[in-house]
């Protein structure tokens, strides 16, 4: 399975190593007030993606389908990294079982 990531500033890496996920979380924690580059994301080749906005706020959606986005708030860093890893591995069933709230 393949995935790619978007860093702050919209820099994209394809077929990234899973080790990049921790660096993505670091980017959000380094400049929490940067509203221009408000998130980082991990997108699986199936076009399901997880956006991380810092402060434990994540979104999960199909980026091309424009379906119903979902979100969770107040997540610890470890949980955010687990969700990122699930997307990178294509373990979408694991993500579907999470307690998502509708919308952004």
C-alpha atoms as a PDB file:
ATOM      1  CA  UNK A   1       0.000   0.000   0.000  1.00  0.00           C
ATOM      2  CA  UNK A   2       1.079   3.516  -0.695  1.00  0.00           C
ATOM      3  CA  UNK A   3       0.437   6.772   1.103  1.00  0.00           C
ATOM      4  CA  UNK A   4       1.618  10.344   0.999  1.00  0.00           C
ATOM      5  CA  UNK A   5       1.848  13.186   3.461  1.00  0.00           C
ATOM      6  CA  UNK A   6       1.360  16.922   3.289  1.00  0.00           C
ATOM      7  CA  UNK A   7       3.616  18.964   5.538  1.00  0.00           C
ATOM      8  CA  UNK A   8       2.920  22.509   6.619  1.00  0.00           C
ATOM      9  CA  UNK A   9       3.400  24.785   3.645  1.00  0.00           C
ATOM     10  CA  UNK A  10       1.853  22.148   1.352  1.00  0.00           C
ATOM     11  CA  UNK A  11       5.087  20.247   0.755  1.00  0.00           C
ATOM     12  CA  UNK A  12       4.127  16.732  -0.298  1.00  0.00           C
ATOM     13  CA  UNK A  13       6.083  13.485   0.074  1.00  0.00           C
ATOM     14  CA  UNK A  14       4.946  10.353  -1.732  1.00  0.00           C
ATOM     15  CA  UNK A  15       5.643   6.811  -0.590  1.00  0.00           C
ATOM     16  CA  UNK A  16       6.956   8.199   2.651  1.00  0.00           C
ATOM     17  CA  UNK A  17       8.348   6.061   5.375  1.00  0.00           C
ATOM     18  CA  UNK A  18       6.148   5.697   8.407  1.00  0.00           C
ATOM     19  CA  UNK A  19       8.886   7.434  10.448  1.00  0.00           C
ATOM     20  CA  UNK A  20       7.787  10.755   8.914  1.00  0.00           C
ATOM     21  CA  UNK A  21       4.573  10.638  10.948  1.00  0.00           C
ATOM     22  CA  UNK A  22       6.218  11.749  14.176  1.00  0.00           C
ATOM     23  CA  UNK A  23       7.817  14.676  12.336  1.00  0.00           C
ATOM     24  CA  UNK A  24       4.378  15.677  11.023  1.00  0.00           C
ATOM     25  CA  UNK A  25       3.026  15.873  14.559  1.00  0.00           C
ATOM     26  CA  UNK A  26       6.112  17.884  15.571  1.00  0.00           C
ATOM     27  CA  UNK A  27       5.364  20.439  12.835  1.00  0.00           C
ATOM     28  CA  UNK A  28       1.960  21.175  14.336  1.00  0.00           C
ATOM     29  CA  UNK A  29       3.378  21.550  17.821  1.00  0.00           C
ATOM     30  CA  UNK A  30       6.205  23.909  16.756  1.00  0.00           C
ATOM     31  CA  UNK A  31       3.994  26.778  15.519  1.00  0.00           C
ATOM     32  CA  UNK A  32       0.488  26.328  16.913  1.00  0.00           C
ATOM     33  CA  UNK A  33      -0.649  29.835  15.885  1.00  0.00           C
ATOM     34  CA  UNK A  34       0.178  29.481  12.158  1.00  0.00           C
ATOM     35  CA  UNK A  35      -3.285  29.833  10.611  1.00  0.00           C
ATOM     36  CA  UNK A  36      -1.997  29.960   7.024  1.00  0.00           C
ATOM     37  CA  UNK A  37      -0.582  26.441   7.310  1.00  0.00           C
ATOM     38  CA  UNK A  38      -3.130  25.086   9.741  1.00  0.00           C
ATOM     39  CA  UNK A  39      -2.688  21.345   9.263  1.00  0.00           C
ATOM     40  CA  UNK A  40      -0.668  18.383   8.104  1.00  0.00           C
ATOM     41  CA  UNK A  41      -2.194  15.261   6.624  1.00  0.00           C
ATOM     42  CA  UNK A  42      -1.685  11.630   5.765  1.00  0.00           C
ATOM     43  CA  UNK A  43      -3.526  10.414   2.662  1.00  0.00           C
ATOM     44  CA  UNK A  44      -3.811   6.738   1.748  1.00  0.00           C
ATOM     45  CA  UNK A  45      -3.829   5.720  -1.926  1.00  0.00           C
ATOM     46  CA  UNK A  46      -7.555   4.978  -1.519  1.00  0.00           C
ATOM     47  CA  UNK A  47      -7.951   8.751  -0.983  1.00  0.00           C
ATOM     48  CA  UNK A  48      -9.000   8.432   2.654  1.00  0.00           C
ATOM     49  CA  UNK A  49      -7.124  10.993   4.683  1.00  0.00           C
ATOM     50  CA  UNK A  50      -6.459  12.178   8.183  1.00  0.00           C
ATOM     51  CA  UNK A  51      -5.776  15.842   8.865  1.00  0.00           C
ATOM     52  CA  UNK A  52      -4.058  16.957  12.070  1.00  0.00           C
ATOM     53  CA  UNK A  53      -4.549  20.545  13.214  1.00  0.00           C
ATOM     54  CA  UNK A  54      -2.635  20.385  16.481  1.00  0.00           C
ATOM     55  CA  UNK A  55      -4.011  20.407  19.981  1.00  0.00           C
ATOM     56  CA  UNK A  56      -5.401  16.907  19.562  1.00  0.00           C
ATOM     57  CA  UNK A  57      -7.838  17.845  16.768  1.00  0.00           C
ATOM     58  CA  UNK A  58      -8.048  15.448  13.783  1.00  0.00           C
ATOM     59  CA  UNK A  59     -10.358  15.078  10.811  1.00  0.00           C
ATOM     60  CA  UNK A  60     -11.024  11.957   8.752  1.00  0.00           C
ATOM     61  CA  UNK A  61     -12.575  11.992   5.303  1.00  0.00           C
ATOM     62  CA  UNK A  62     -12.435  10.743   1.743  1.00  0.00           C
ATOM     63  CA  UNK A  63     -10.604  13.632   0.097  1.00  0.00           C
ATOM     64  CA  UNK A  64     -12.073  13.174  -3.397  1.00  0.00           C
ATOM     65  CA  UNK A  65     -15.586  11.975  -2.567  1.00  0.00           C
ATOM     66  CA  UNK A  66     -16.546  15.124  -0.669  1.00  0.00           C
ATOM     67  CA  UNK A  67     -18.623  12.946   1.645  1.00  0.00           C
ATOM     68  CA  UNK A  68     -19.279  13.530   5.288  1.00  0.00           C
ATOM     69  CA  UNK A  69     -16.098  14.514   7.124  1.00  0.00           C
ATOM     70  CA  UNK A  70     -15.645  13.405  10.714  1.00  0.00           C
ATOM     71  CA  UNK A  71     -13.498  14.648  13.555  1.00  0.00           C
ATOM     72  CA  UNK A  72     -12.212  13.968  17.059  1.00  0.00           C
ATOM     73  CA  UNK A  73     -10.843  16.422  19.586  1.00  0.00           C
ATOM     74  CA  UNK A  74      -8.633  16.287  22.665  1.00  0.00           C
ATOM     75  CA  UNK A  75      -6.517  13.364  21.493  1.00  0.00           C
ATOM     76  CA  UNK A  76      -3.090  12.811  23.023  1.00  0.00           C
ATOM     77  CA  UNK A  77      -0.128  12.774  20.634  1.00  0.00           C
ATOM     78  CA  UNK A  78       0.207   8.988  20.911  1.00  0.00           C
ATOM     79  CA  UNK A  79      -3.377   8.498  19.686  1.00  0.00           C
ATOM     80  CA  UNK A  80      -2.880  10.970  16.822  1.00  0.00           C
ATOM     81  CA  UNK A  81       0.199   9.017  15.708  1.00  0.00           C
ATOM     82  CA  UNK A  82      -1.747   5.737  15.909  1.00  0.00           C
ATOM     83  CA  UNK A  83      -4.467   7.179  13.670  1.00  0.00           C
ATOM     84  CA  UNK A  84      -1.861   8.463  11.200  1.00  0.00           C
ATOM     85  CA  UNK A  85      -0.252   5.025  11.156  1.00  0.00           C
ATOM     86  CA  UNK A  86      -3.622   3.377  10.468  1.00  0.00           C
ATOM     87  CA  UNK A  87      -4.152   5.617   7.435  1.00  0.00           C
ATOM     88  CA  UNK A  88      -0.604   5.004   6.185  1.00  0.00           C
ATOM     89  CA  UNK A  89      -1.100   1.244   6.474  1.00  0.00           C
ATOM     90  CA  UNK A  90      -4.530   1.365   4.846  1.00  0.00           C
ATOM     91  CA  UNK A  91      -6.197  -0.046   7.973  1.00  0.00           C
ATOM     92  CA  UNK A  92      -9.404   1.870   7.311  1.00  0.00           C
ATOM     93  CA  UNK A  93     -11.595  -0.604   9.214  1.00  0.00           C
ATOM     94  CA  UNK A  94      -9.679   0.305  12.367  1.00  0.00           C
ATOM     95  CA  UNK A  95     -10.425   3.979  11.737  1.00  0.00           C
ATOM     96  CA  UNK A  96     -14.119   3.361  11.082  1.00  0.00           C
ATOM     97  CA  UNK A  97     -14.475   1.864  14.582  1.00  0.00           C
ATOM     98  CA  UNK A  98     -13.356   5.080  16.296  1.00  0.00           C
ATOM     99  CA  UNK A  99     -15.785   7.472  18.036  1.00  0.00           C
ATOM    100  CA  UNK A 100     -15.899  10.124  15.315  1.00  0.00           C
ATOM    101  CA  UNK A 101     -18.188  13.145  15.536  1.00  0.00           C
ATOM    102  CA  UNK A 102     -19.790  14.346  12.294  1.00  0.00           C
ATOM    103  CA  UNK A 103     -18.448  17.368  10.434  1.00  0.00           C
ATOM    104  CA  UNK A 104     -15.317  19.391  11.001  1.00  0.00           C
END
